PDB file of N, CA and C in Angstrom:
ATOM      1  N   MET A   1     155.037 123.232  50.301  1.00  0.00           N
ATOM      2  CA  MET A   1     153.526 124.022  49.250  1.00  0.00           C
ATOM      3  C   MET A   1     153.170 122.549  48.392  1.00  0.00           C
ATOM      4  N   LEU A   2     151.960 122.602  48.227  1.00  0.00           N
ATOM      5  CA  LEU A   2     151.498 121.377  46.986  1.00  0.00           C
ATOM      6  C   LEU A   2     151.117 122.005  45.632  1.00  0.00           C
ATOM      7  N   HIS A   3     151.719 121.440  44.817  1.00  0.00           N
ATOM      8  CA  HIS A   3     151.495 121.719  43.368  1.00  0.00           C
ATOM      9  C   HIS A   3     150.038 121.358  42.897  1.00  0.00           C
ATOM     10  N   HIS A   4     149.924 120.179  42.987  1.00  0.00           N
ATOM     11  CA  HIS A   4     148.940 119.300  42.493  1.00  0.00           C
ATOM     12  C   HIS A   4     148.313 118.166  43.360  1.00  0.00           C
ATOM     13  N   VAL A   5     147.182 117.803  42.954  1.00  0.00           N
ATOM     14  CA  VAL A   5     146.497 116.597  43.877  1.00  0.00           C
ATOM     15  C   VAL A   5     146.087 115.772  42.453  1.00  0.00           C
ATOM     16  N   GLN A   6     146.051 114.425  42.232  1.00  0.00           N
ATOM     17  CA  GLN A   6     145.710 113.511  41.194  1.00  0.00           C
ATOM     18  C   GLN A   6     144.588 112.928  41.492  1.00  0.00           C
ATOM     19  N   ILE A   7     143.776 112.976  40.731  1.00  0.00           N
ATOM     20  CA  ILE A   7     142.582 111.860  41.072  1.00  0.00           C
ATOM     21  C   ILE A   7     142.155 110.811  39.791  1.00  0.00           C
ATOM     22  N   ALA A   8     141.697 110.012  39.806  1.00  0.00           N
ATOM     23  CA  ALA A   8     141.512 108.997  38.644  1.00  0.00           C
ATOM     24  C   ALA A   8     139.864 109.221  38.189  1.00  0.00           C
ATOM     25  N   ALA A   9     139.681 108.808  37.022  1.00  0.00           N
ATOM     26  CA  ALA A   9     138.257 108.661  36.296  1.00  0.00           C
ATOM     27  C   ALA A   9     138.426 107.679  35.412  1.00  0.00           C
ATOM     28  N   PRO A  10     137.155 106.967  34.827  1.00  0.00           N
ATOM     29  CA  PRO A  10     136.991 106.100  33.915  1.00  0.00           C
ATOM     30  C   PRO A  10     137.210 106.939  32.424  1.00  0.00           C
ATOM     31  N   VAL A  11     137.829 106.265  31.383  1.00  0.00           N
ATOM     32  CA  VAL A  11     137.681 106.343  30.442  1.00  0.00           C
ATOM     33  C   VAL A  11     136.387 107.050  29.812  1.00  0.00           C
ATOM     34  N   GLY A  12     136.609 108.224  29.050  1.00  0.00           N
ATOM     35  CA  GLY A  12     135.546 108.666  27.907  1.00  0.00           C
ATOM     36  C   GLY A  12     134.697 109.610  29.160  1.00  0.00           C
ATOM     37  N   SER A  13     135.231 109.810  30.363  1.00  0.00           N
ATOM     38  CA  SER A  13     134.423 110.892  31.315  1.00  0.00           C
ATOM     39  C   SER A  13     134.673 112.447  31.349  1.00  0.00           C
ATOM     40  N   GLU A  14     135.766 112.620  30.424  1.00  0.00           N
ATOM     41  CA  GLU A  14     136.543 113.961  30.409  1.00  0.00           C
ATOM     42  C   GLU A  14     135.049 115.032  30.580  1.00  0.00           C
ATOM     43  N   ASP A  15     134.219 114.890  29.325  1.00  0.00           N
ATOM     44  CA  ASP A  15     133.271 115.948  29.385  1.00  0.00           C
ATOM     45  C   ASP A  15     132.239 116.152  30.791  1.00  0.00           C
ATOM     46  N   ARG A  16     132.175 114.939  31.136  1.00  0.00           N
ATOM     47  CA  ARG A  16     131.349 115.234  32.675  1.00  0.00           C
ATOM     48  C   ARG A  16     132.363 115.931  33.425  1.00  0.00           C
ATOM     49  N   LEU A  17     133.358 115.428  33.631  1.00  0.00           N
ATOM     50  CA  LEU A  17     134.437 116.189  34.481  1.00  0.00           C
ATOM     51  C   LEU A  17     134.483 117.619  34.154  1.00  0.00           C
ATOM     52  N   ARG A  18     134.819 118.012  33.130  1.00  0.00           N
ATOM     53  CA  ARG A  18     134.755 119.678  32.845  1.00  0.00           C
ATOM     54  C   ARG A  18     133.384 120.216  32.984  1.00  0.00           C
ATOM     55  N   GLU A  19     132.425 119.521  33.101  1.00  0.00           N
ATOM     56  CA  GLU A  19     131.072 120.506  33.157  1.00  0.00           C
ATOM     57  C   GLU A  19     131.057 120.610  34.757  1.00  0.00           C
ATOM     58  N   PHE A  20     131.625 119.636  35.632  1.00  0.00           N
ATOM     59  CA  PHE A  20     131.683 119.839  37.144  1.00  0.00           C
ATOM     60  C   PHE A  20     132.822 120.684  37.631  1.00  0.00           C
ATOM     61  N   TYR A  21     133.880 120.415  37.170  1.00  0.00           N
ATOM     62  CA  TYR A  21     134.924 121.221  37.767  1.00  0.00           C
ATOM     63  C   TYR A  21     135.028 122.652  37.222  1.00  0.00           C
ATOM     64  N   GLY A  22     134.687 122.691  35.538  1.00  0.00           N
ATOM     65  CA  GLY A  22     134.724 123.850  35.062  1.00  0.00           C
ATOM     66  C   GLY A  22     133.407 124.646  35.058  1.00  0.00           C
ATOM     67  N   GLY A  23     132.693 123.923  34.660  1.00  0.00           N
ATOM     68  CA  GLY A  23     131.176 124.671  34.764  1.00  0.00           C
ATOM     69  C   GLY A  23     130.496 124.872  36.306  1.00  0.00           C
ATOM     70  N   VAL A  24     130.446 123.864  37.217  1.00  0.00           N
ATOM     71  CA  VAL A  24     129.657 123.911  38.369  1.00  0.00           C
ATOM     72  C   VAL A  24     130.637 124.624  39.282  1.00  0.00           C
ATOM     73  N   LEU A  25     131.979 124.299  39.444  1.00  0.00           N
ATOM     74  CA  LEU A  25     132.913 124.954  40.241  1.00  0.00           C
ATOM     75  C   LEU A  25     133.490 126.189  39.928  1.00  0.00           C
ATOM     76  N   GLY A  26     133.631 126.493  38.474  1.00  0.00           N
ATOM     77  CA  GLY A  26     134.134 127.460  37.647  1.00  0.00           C
ATOM     78  C   GLY A  26     135.657 127.616  37.468  1.00  0.00           C
ATOM     79  N   TRP A  27     136.275 126.222  37.962  1.00  0.00           N
ATOM     80  CA  TRP A  27     137.621 126.379  37.637  1.00  0.00           C
ATOM     81  C   TRP A  27     138.255 126.189  36.294  1.00  0.00           C
ATOM     82  N   SER A  28     139.286 126.911  36.041  1.00  0.00           N
ATOM     83  CA  SER A  28     139.953 126.946  34.760  1.00  0.00           C
ATOM     84  C   SER A  28     140.664 125.664  34.243  1.00  0.00           C
ATOM     85  N   GLU A  29     140.083 125.204  33.106  1.00  0.00           N
ATOM     86  CA  GLU A  29     140.910 124.382  32.442  1.00  0.00           C
ATOM     87  C   GLU A  29     142.148 124.410  32.387  1.00  0.00           C
ATOM     88  N   LEU A  30     143.484 123.772  32.543  1.00  0.00           N
ATOM     89  CA  LEU A  30     144.807 123.862  31.854  1.00  0.00           C
ATOM     90  C   LEU A  30     145.270 123.162  30.993  1.00  0.00           C
ATOM     91  N   PRO A  31     145.849 123.169  29.962  1.00  0.00           N
ATOM     92  CA  PRO A  31     146.411 122.571  28.665  1.00  0.00           C
ATOM     93  C   PRO A  31     147.073 121.248  29.444  1.00  0.00           C
ATOM     94  N   LYS A  32     147.050 120.369  29.155  1.00  0.00           N
ATOM     95  CA  LYS A  32     147.790 119.115  29.531  1.00  0.00           C
ATOM     96  C   LYS A  32     149.237 119.163  28.298  1.00  0.00           C
ATOM     97  N   PRO A  33     150.866 119.014  28.706  1.00  0.00           N
ATOM     98  CA  PRO A  33     151.571 118.766  27.590  1.00  0.00           C
ATOM     99  C   PRO A  33     151.315 117.718  26.896  1.00  0.00           C
ATOM    100  N   PRO A  34     151.782 117.717  25.487  1.00  0.00           N
ATOM    101  CA  PRO A  34     151.299 116.998  24.596  1.00  0.00           C
ATOM    102  C   PRO A  34     151.410 115.369  24.714  1.00  0.00           C
ATOM    103  N   LEU A  35     152.881 115.196  25.515  1.00  0.00           N
ATOM    104  CA  LEU A  35     152.708 113.681  25.801  1.00  0.00           C
ATOM    105  C   LEU A  35     151.830 113.081  26.584  1.00  0.00           C
ATOM    106  N   LEU A  36     151.245 113.993  27.724  1.00  0.00           N
ATOM    107  CA  LEU A  36     150.488 113.680  28.582  1.00  0.00           C
ATOM    108  C   LEU A  36     149.110 113.495  27.947  1.00  0.00           C
ATOM    109  N   ALA A  37     148.631 114.768  27.180  1.00  0.00           N
ATOM    110  CA  ALA A  37     147.171 114.742  26.806  1.00  0.00           C
ATOM    111  C   ALA A  37     146.867 113.404  25.970  1.00  0.00           C
ATOM    112  N   ALA A  38     147.751 113.082  25.125  1.00  0.00           N
ATOM    113  CA  ALA A  38     147.568 111.612  24.465  1.00  0.00           C
ATOM    114  C   ALA A  38     147.013 110.381  25.378  1.00  0.00           C
ATOM    115  N   ARG A  39     146.943 110.661  26.688  1.00  0.00           N
ATOM    116  CA  ARG A  39     146.513 109.557  27.597  1.00  0.00           C
ATOM    117  C   ARG A  39     145.242 110.018  27.861  1.00  0.00           C
ATOM    118  N   GLY A  40     144.648 111.075  27.983  1.00  0.00           N
ATOM    119  CA  GLY A  40     143.522 111.381  28.345  1.00  0.00           C
ATOM    120  C   GLY A  40     143.463 112.126  29.688  1.00  0.00           C
ATOM    121  N   GLY A  41     142.038 112.581  30.100  1.00  0.00           N
ATOM    122  CA  GLY A  41     142.479 113.028  31.308  1.00  0.00           C
ATOM    123  C   GLY A  41     142.115 114.590  31.229  1.00  0.00           C
ATOM    124  N   CYS A  42     142.405 115.379  32.206  1.00  0.00           N
ATOM    125  CA  CYS A  42     142.033 116.790  32.006  1.00  0.00           C
ATOM    126  C   CYS A  42     142.816 117.499  33.573  1.00  0.00           C
ATOM    127  N   TRP A  43     143.143 118.579  33.242  1.00  0.00           N
ATOM    128  CA  TRP A  43     143.768 119.516  34.541  1.00  0.00           C
ATOM    129  C   TRP A  43     143.067 120.939  34.686  1.00  0.00           C
ATOM    130  N   PHE A  44     143.001 121.046  36.144  1.00  0.00           N
ATOM    131  CA  PHE A  44     142.143 122.242  36.568  1.00  0.00           C
ATOM    132  C   PHE A  44     142.927 123.140  37.414  1.00  0.00           C
ATOM    133  N   GLN A  45     142.892 124.486  37.159  1.00  0.00           N
ATOM    134  CA  GLN A  45     143.163 125.324  38.123  1.00  0.00           C
ATOM    135  C   GLN A  45     142.372 125.453  39.109  1.00  0.00           C
ATOM    136  N   VAL A  46     143.197 125.395  40.538  1.00  0.00           N
ATOM    137  CA  VAL A  46     142.032 125.242  41.707  1.00  0.00           C
ATOM    138  C   VAL A  46     142.361 127.025  42.243  1.00  0.00           C
ATOM    139  N   PRO A  47     141.407 127.721  42.336  1.00  0.00           N
ATOM    140  CA  PRO A  47     141.755 129.019  42.665  1.00  0.00           C
ATOM    141  C   PRO A  47     142.404 129.049  44.276  1.00  0.00           C
ATOM    142  N   GLY A  48     143.374 129.952  44.479  1.00  0.00           N
ATOM    143  CA  GLY A  48     143.892 129.603  45.826  1.00  0.00           C
ATOM    144  C   GLY A  48     142.991 130.798  46.624  1.00  0.00           C
ATOM    145  N   HIS A  49     143.316 130.483  47.961  1.00  0.00           N
ATOM    146  CA  HIS A  49     142.450 130.984  49.178  1.00  0.00           C
ATOM    147  C   HIS A  49     143.393 131.614  50.096  1.00  0.00           C
ATOM    148  N   GLY A  50     144.095 132.718  49.768  1.00  0.00           N
ATOM    149  CA  GLY A  50     145.066 133.252  50.390  1.00  0.00           C
ATOM    150  C   GLY A  50     146.337 132.707  50.137  1.00  0.00           C
ATOM    151  N   GLY A  51     146.569 132.060  49.014  1.00  0.00           N
ATOM    152  CA  GLY A  51     147.989 131.711  48.945  1.00  0.00           C
ATOM    153  C   GLY A  51     147.911 131.224  47.069  1.00  0.00           C
ATOM    154  N   PRO A  52     148.945 130.508  47.089  1.00  0.00           N
ATOM    155  CA  PRO A  52     149.195 130.344  45.464  1.00  0.00           C
ATOM    156  C   PRO A  52     148.127 129.516  45.155  1.00  0.00           C
ATOM    157  N   ASP A  53     147.759 129.769  43.652  1.00  0.00           N
ATOM    158  CA  ASP A  53     147.019 128.364  43.030  1.00  0.00           C
ATOM    159  C   ASP A  53     147.478 126.816  42.907  1.00  0.00           C
ATOM    160  N   ALA A  54     146.732 126.241  43.151  1.00  0.00           N
ATOM    161  CA  ALA A  54     147.109 124.561  42.978  1.00  0.00           C
ATOM    162  C   ALA A  54     146.437 124.127  42.023  1.00  0.00           C
ATOM    163  N   GLU A  55     146.932 122.696  41.182  1.00  0.00           N
ATOM    164  CA  GLU A  55     145.860 122.066  40.120  1.00  0.00           C
ATOM    165  C   GLU A  55     145.499 120.972  40.840  1.00  0.00           C
ATOM    166  N   LEU A  56     144.385 120.383  40.106  1.00  0.00           N
ATOM    167  CA  LEU A  56     143.627 118.967  40.425  1.00  0.00           C
ATOM    168  C   LEU A  56     144.033 118.623  38.901  1.00  0.00           C
ATOM    169  N   HIS A  57     144.666 117.448  38.903  1.00  0.00           N
ATOM    170  CA  HIS A  57     144.759 116.726  37.664  1.00  0.00           C
ATOM    171  C   HIS A  57     143.887 115.353  37.750  1.00  0.00           C
ATOM    172  N   VAL A  58     143.242 114.947  36.646  1.00  0.00           N
ATOM    173  CA  VAL A  58     142.283 113.980  36.508  1.00  0.00           C
ATOM    174  C   VAL A  58     143.273 112.905  35.484  1.00  0.00           C
ATOM    175  N   GLY A  59     143.402 111.821  35.926  1.00  0.00           N
ATOM    176  CA  GLY A  59     144.058 110.898  35.026  1.00  0.00           C
ATOM    177  C   GLY A  59     142.839 109.745  34.740  1.00  0.00           C
ATOM    178  N   ILE A  60     143.005 109.232  33.745  1.00  0.00           N
ATOM    179  CA  ILE A  60     142.289 108.061  33.266  1.00  0.00           C
ATOM    180  C   ILE A  60     142.913 107.192  33.575  1.00  0.00           C
ATOM    181  N   GLU A  61     142.190 105.976  34.175  1.00  0.00           N
ATOM    182  CA  GLU A  61     142.237 104.637  34.665  1.00  0.00           C
ATOM    183  C   GLU A  61     141.307 103.561  33.736  1.00  0.00           C
ATOM    184  N   ASP A  62     142.270 102.452  33.092  1.00  0.00           N
ATOM    185  CA  ASP A  62     140.893 101.499  32.729  1.00  0.00           C
ATOM    186  C   ASP A  62     140.120 100.813  33.545  1.00  0.00           C
ATOM    187  N   ASP A  63     140.865 100.441  34.803  1.00  0.00           N
ATOM    188  CA  ASP A  63     140.268  99.662  35.749  1.00  0.00           C
ATOM    189  C   ASP A  63     140.039 100.763  36.876  1.00  0.00           C
ATOM    190  N   PHE A  64     139.282 101.667  36.549  1.00  0.00           N
ATOM    191  CA  PHE A  64     138.599 102.676  37.683  1.00  0.00           C
ATOM    192  C   PHE A  64     137.736 102.225  38.568  1.00  0.00           C
ATOM    193  N   ARG A  65     137.902 102.676  39.712  1.00  0.00           N
ATOM    194  CA  ARG A  65     136.937 102.475  41.024  1.00  0.00           C
ATOM    195  C   ARG A  65     137.047 103.794  41.678  1.00  0.00           C
ATOM    196  N   PRO A  66     135.943 104.441  41.828  1.00  0.00           N
ATOM    197  CA  PRO A  66     136.152 106.214  42.504  1.00  0.00           C
ATOM    198  C   PRO A  66     136.543 105.935  44.082  1.00  0.00           C
ATOM    199  N   ALA A  67     137.245 107.082  44.385  1.00  0.00           N
ATOM    200  CA  ALA A  67     137.637 106.867  45.744  1.00  0.00           C
ATOM    201  C   ALA A  67     136.611 107.209  46.800  1.00  0.00           C
ATOM    202  N   LYS A  68     136.424 106.490  47.757  1.00  0.00           N
ATOM    203  CA  LYS A  68     135.322 106.497  48.485  1.00  0.00           C
ATOM    204  C   LYS A  68     135.555 107.271  49.715  1.00  0.00           C
ATOM    205  N   LYS A  69     136.956 107.096  50.293  1.00  0.00           N
ATOM    206  CA  LYS A  69     137.725 107.346  51.598  1.00  0.00           C
ATOM    207  C   LYS A  69     138.272 108.468  51.541  1.00  0.00           C
ATOM    208  N   ALA A  70     139.283 108.011  50.455  1.00  0.00           N
ATOM    209  CA  ALA A  70     140.507 109.130  50.230  1.00  0.00           C
ATOM    210  C   ALA A  70     140.054 110.240  49.418  1.00  0.00           C
ATOM    211  N   HIS A  71     140.189 111.209  49.558  1.00  0.00           N
ATOM    212  CA  HIS A  71     139.773 112.894  48.940  1.00  0.00           C
ATOM    213  C   HIS A  71     140.752 113.606  49.015  1.00  0.00           C
ATOM    214  N   PRO A  72     140.562 114.809  48.126  1.00  0.00           N
ATOM    215  CA  PRO A  72     141.180 116.098  48.201  1.00  0.00           C
ATOM    216  C   PRO A  72     140.381 116.857  49.000  1.00  0.00           C
ATOM    217  N   ALA A  73     140.751 117.856  49.871  1.00  0.00           N
ATOM    218  CA  ALA A  73     140.015 118.701  50.068  1.00  0.00           C
ATOM    219  C   ALA A  73     140.311 120.359  49.819  1.00  0.00           C
ATOM    220  N   PHE A  74     139.552 120.982  49.475  1.00  0.00           N
ATOM    221  CA  PHE A  74     139.459 122.211  48.985  1.00  0.00           C
ATOM    222  C   PHE A  74     138.999 123.525  49.616  1.00  0.00           C
ATOM    223  N   VAL A  75     139.732 124.451  49.892  1.00  0.00           N
ATOM    224  CA  VAL A  75     139.253 125.716  50.773  1.00  0.00           C
ATOM    225  C   VAL A  75     138.599 126.592  49.681  1.00  0.00           C
ATOM    226  N   VAL A  76     137.370 126.643  50.289  1.00  0.00           N
ATOM    227  CA  VAL A  76     136.252 127.487  49.343  1.00  0.00           C
ATOM    228  C   VAL A  76     135.298 128.450  49.918  1.00  0.00           C
ATOM    229  N   ASP A  77     134.620 129.182  49.180  1.00  0.00           N
ATOM    230  CA  ASP A  77     133.060 129.789  50.045  1.00  0.00           C
ATOM    231  C   ASP A  77     132.417 128.525  49.933  1.00  0.00           C
ATOM    232  N   VAL A  78     132.284 128.002  51.351  1.00  0.00           N
ATOM    233  CA  VAL A  78     131.403 126.914  51.256  1.00  0.00           C
ATOM    234  C   VAL A  78     129.978 127.354  51.052  1.00  0.00           C
ATOM    235  N   ASP A  79     129.345 128.245  51.310  1.00  0.00           N
ATOM    236  CA  ASP A  79     128.030 128.540  51.121  1.00  0.00           C
ATOM    237  C   ASP A  79     127.827 128.489  49.630  1.00  0.00           C
ATOM    238  N   ALA A  80     128.438 129.388  48.752  1.00  0.00           N
ATOM    239  CA  ALA A  80     128.441 129.437  47.208  1.00  0.00           C
ATOM    240  C   ALA A  80     128.694 128.031  46.684  1.00  0.00           C
ATOM    241  N   THR A  81     129.922 127.291  46.913  1.00  0.00           N
ATOM    242  CA  THR A  81     130.237 126.125  46.571  1.00  0.00           C
ATOM    243  C   THR A  81     129.119 124.996  46.815  1.00  0.00           C
ATOM    244  N   ALA A  82     128.815 125.063  47.866  1.00  0.00           N
ATOM    245  CA  ALA A  82     127.551 124.174  48.220  1.00  0.00           C
ATOM    246  C   ALA A  82     126.106 124.551  47.264  1.00  0.00           C
ATOM    247  N   ALA A  83     125.771 126.000  47.234  1.00  0.00           N
ATOM    248  CA  ALA A  83     124.699 126.472  46.415  1.00  0.00           C
ATOM    249  C   ALA A  83     125.185 125.893  44.984  1.00  0.00           C
ATOM    250  N   ALA A  84     126.223 126.175  44.244  1.00  0.00           N
ATOM    251  CA  ALA A  84     126.537 125.701  43.082  1.00  0.00           C
ATOM    252  C   ALA A  84     126.514 124.283  42.767  1.00  0.00           C
ATOM    253  N   ILE A  85     126.837 123.447  43.676  1.00  0.00           N
ATOM    254  CA  ILE A  85     127.138 122.092  43.367  1.00  0.00           C
ATOM    255  C   ILE A  85     125.536 121.349  43.619  1.00  0.00           C
ATOM    256  N   THR A  86     124.773 121.857  44.464  1.00  0.00           N
ATOM    257  CA  THR A  86     123.260 121.570  44.760  1.00  0.00           C
ATOM    258  C   THR A  86     122.417 121.951  43.505  1.00  0.00           C
ATOM    259  N   ALA A  87     122.485 123.233  43.158  1.00  0.00           N
ATOM    260  CA  ALA A  87     121.889 123.477  41.997  1.00  0.00           C
ATOM    261  C   ALA A  87     122.110 122.658  40.523  1.00  0.00           C
ATOM    262  N   ALA A  88     123.595 122.406  40.679  1.00  0.00           N
ATOM    263  CA  ALA A  88     123.788 121.473  39.218  1.00  0.00           C
ATOM    264  C   ALA A  88     123.008 120.084  39.471  1.00  0.00           C
ATOM    265  N   GLY A  89     122.509 119.946  40.819  1.00  0.00           N
ATOM    266  CA  GLY A  89     121.786 118.389  40.940  1.00  0.00           C
ATOM    267  C   GLY A  89     122.662 117.576  41.649  1.00  0.00           C
ATOM    268  N   HIS A  90     123.737 117.818  42.263  1.00  0.00           N
ATOM    269  CA  HIS A  90     124.345 116.720  43.051  1.00  0.00           C
ATOM    270  C   HIS A  90     124.314 116.998  44.343  1.00  0.00           C
ATOM    271  N   GLU A  91     124.314 115.757  45.003  1.00  0.00           N
ATOM    272  CA  GLU A  91     124.120 115.858  46.521  1.00  0.00           C
ATOM    273  C   GLU A  91     125.361 116.217  47.111  1.00  0.00           C
ATOM    274  N   ILE A  92     125.116 117.359  48.494  1.00  0.00           N
ATOM    275  CA  ILE A  92     125.984 117.293  49.506  1.00  0.00           C
ATOM    276  C   ILE A  92     125.853 116.729  50.700  1.00  0.00           C
ATOM    277  N   ARG A  93     126.856 116.935  51.745  1.00  0.00           N
ATOM    278  CA  ARG A  93     126.885 116.169  52.652  1.00  0.00           C
ATOM    279  C   ARG A  93     127.451 116.904  54.059  1.00  0.00           C
ATOM    280  N   TRP A  94     126.947 117.744  54.785  1.00  0.00           N
ATOM    281  CA  TRP A  94     127.338 118.588  55.661  1.00  0.00           C
ATOM    282  C   TRP A  94     128.031 117.779  56.523  1.00  0.00           C
ATOM    283  N   ALA A  95     129.171 118.028  56.982  1.00  0.00           N
ATOM    284  CA  ALA A  95     130.192 117.232  58.416  1.00  0.00           C
ATOM    285  C   ALA A  95     129.676 117.750  59.357  1.00  0.00           C
ATOM    286  N   ASP A  96     129.582 116.793  60.479  1.00  0.00           N
ATOM    287  CA  ASP A  96     129.452 117.037  62.033  1.00  0.00           C
ATOM    288  C   ASP A  96     130.166 118.309  62.301  1.00  0.00           C
ATOM    289  N   PRO A  97     129.699 119.485  62.923  1.00  0.00           N
ATOM    290  CA  PRO A  97     130.433 120.662  63.246  1.00  0.00           C
ATOM    291  C   PRO A  97     131.368 120.281  64.251  1.00  0.00           C
ATOM    292  N   ALA A  98     131.087 119.063  65.200  1.00  0.00           N
ATOM    293  CA  ALA A  98     132.077 118.653  66.327  1.00  0.00           C
ATOM    294  C   ALA A  98     133.436 118.194  65.797  1.00  0.00           C
ATOM    295  N   GLU A  99     133.287 117.462  64.806  1.00  0.00           N
ATOM    296  CA  GLU A  99     134.384 116.896  63.773  1.00  0.00           C
ATOM    297  C   GLU A  99     135.919 117.452  64.160  1.00  0.00           C
ATOM    298  N   ILE A 100     135.617 119.147  63.558  1.00  0.00           N
ATOM    299  CA  ILE A 100     136.620 120.086  63.368  1.00  0.00           C
ATOM    300  C   ILE A 100     136.048 121.488  64.040  1.00  0.00           C
ATOM    301  N   PRO A 101     135.834 121.545  65.148  1.00  0.00           N
ATOM    302  CA  PRO A 101     135.692 122.906  65.742  1.00  0.00           C
ATOM    303  C   PRO A 101     135.710 123.732  65.142  1.00  0.00           C
ATOM    304  N   GLY A 102     134.766 125.010  64.304  1.00  0.00           N
ATOM    305  CA  GLY A 102     135.197 126.198  63.853  1.00  0.00           C
ATOM    306  C   GLY A 102     135.425 126.213  62.553  1.00  0.00           C
ATOM    307  N   ARG A 103     135.160 125.037  61.956  1.00  0.00           N
ATOM    308  CA  ARG A 103     135.541 124.883  60.352  1.00  0.00           C
ATOM    309  C   ARG A 103     134.224 124.065  59.633  1.00  0.00           C
ATOM    310  N   ARG A 104     133.532 124.873  58.933  1.00  0.00           N
ATOM    311  CA  ARG A 104     132.144 124.593  58.273  1.00  0.00           C
ATOM    312  C   ARG A 104     132.661 123.497  57.098  1.00  0.00           C
ATOM    313  N   ARG A 105     132.186 122.213  56.884  1.00  0.00           N
ATOM    314  CA  ARG A 105     132.732 121.944  55.505  1.00  0.00           C
ATOM    315  C   ARG A 105     132.054 120.854  55.200  1.00  0.00           C
ATOM    316  N   PHE A 106     131.919 120.346  53.982  1.00  0.00           N
ATOM    317  CA  PHE A 106     130.886 119.661  53.259  1.00  0.00           C
ATOM    318  C   PHE A 106     131.872 118.366  52.471  1.00  0.00           C
ATOM    319  N   HIS A 107     131.051 117.219  52.173  1.00  0.00           N
ATOM    320  CA  HIS A 107     131.350 116.487  51.093  1.00  0.00           C
ATOM    321  C   HIS A 107     130.823 116.313  50.009  1.00  0.00           C
ATOM    322  N   ALA A 108     130.961 115.891  49.036  1.00  0.00           N
ATOM    323  CA  ALA A 108     130.117 115.743  47.665  1.00  0.00           C
ATOM    324  C   ALA A 108     131.168 114.755  46.801  1.00  0.00           C
ATOM    325  N   ASN A 109     130.325 114.313  45.690  1.00  0.00           N
ATOM    326  CA  ASN A 109     131.252 113.232  44.918  1.00  0.00           C
ATOM    327  C   ASN A 109     131.156 114.028  43.504  1.00  0.00           C
ATOM    328  N   ASP A 110     131.983 113.893  42.573  1.00  0.00           N
ATOM    329  CA  ASP A 110     132.284 114.340  41.141  1.00  0.00           C
ATOM    330  C   ASP A 110     131.316 113.626  40.488  1.00  0.00           C
ATOM    331  N   PRO A 111     131.283 113.764  39.319  1.00  0.00           N
ATOM    332  CA  PRO A 111     130.088 112.548  38.444  1.00  0.00           C
ATOM    333  C   PRO A 111     130.657 111.369  38.594  1.00  0.00           C
ATOM    334  N   VAL A 112     131.916 110.995  38.597  1.00  0.00           N
ATOM    335  CA  VAL A 112     132.283 109.617  38.375  1.00  0.00           C
ATOM    336  C   VAL A 112     132.480 108.998  39.894  1.00  0.00           C
ATOM    337  N   GLY A 113     132.125 109.630  40.915  1.00  0.00           N
ATOM    338  CA  GLY A 113     131.952 109.024  42.093  1.00  0.00           C
ATOM    339  C   GLY A 113     132.942 109.440  43.105  1.00  0.00           C
ATOM    340  N   ASN A 114     133.983 110.122  42.893  1.00  0.00           N
ATOM    341  CA  ASN A 114     135.059 110.540  44.009  1.00  0.00           C
ATOM    342  C   ASN A 114     134.647 111.361  44.809  1.00  0.00           C
ATOM    343  N   ARG A 115     135.186 111.070  46.190  1.00  0.00           N
ATOM    344  CA  ARG A 115     134.974 111.822  47.460  1.00  0.00           C
ATOM    345  C   ARG A 115     135.502 113.077  47.317  1.00  0.00           C
ATOM    346  N   LEU A 116     134.890 114.196  47.456  1.00  0.00           N
ATOM    347  CA  LEU A 116     135.503 115.578  47.612  1.00  0.00           C
ATOM    348  C   LEU A 116     135.280 116.340  48.817  1.00  0.00           C
ATOM    349  N   GLU A 117     136.154 117.162  49.455  1.00  0.00           N
ATOM    350  CA  GLU A 117     135.728 117.885  50.762  1.00  0.00           C
ATOM    351  C   GLU A 117     135.820 119.475  50.286  1.00  0.00           C
ATOM    352  N   PHE A 118     135.011 119.887  50.685  1.00  0.00           N
ATOM    353  CA  PHE A 118     134.936 121.659  50.716  1.00  0.00           C
ATOM    354  C   PHE A 118     135.030 121.896  51.908  1.00  0.00           C
ATOM    355  N   LEU A 119     135.950 122.919  52.400  1.00  0.00           N
ATOM    356  CA  LEU A 119     135.686 123.880  53.832  1.00  0.00           C
ATOM    357  C   LEU A 119     136.237 125.141  53.557  1.00  0.00           C
ATOM    358  N   GLU A 120     135.583 125.770  54.557  1.00  0.00           N
ATOM    359  CA  GLU A 120     136.076 127.246  54.531  1.00  0.00           C
ATOM    360  C   GLU A 120     137.224 127.328  55.110  1.00  0.00           C
ATOM    361  N   GLY A 121     137.874 128.656  54.867  1.00  0.00           N
ATOM    362  CA  GLY A 121     139.211 128.825  55.247  1.00  0.00           C
ATOM    363  C   GLY A 121     139.049 129.473  56.440  1.00  0.00           C
TER     364      GLY A 121
END
């Protein structure tokens, strides 16, 4: 069972990330323990899809470079999620259906450029 995935973000980007993960995707922000909160960043509860919820942790890096290839993948309602991301002004890229037959999926970038995958269960 997976507990969390951590991605990186630049200093001062927390508000943009909260708007995307909390506002656009509707994921609840989790309080960070005090010692970790001092480092910046933010944590989100990723709603489960037929299983326990997991967490997305966003950590701050001074020399941040967005992940262009490596990425977390989230099981979601792909049509609703694609619509929400597009309505918020973010680009989505549908994957070739032949790559993983029977599994609709797309990629998007978060506000700081990290690659994300969303797929139906």
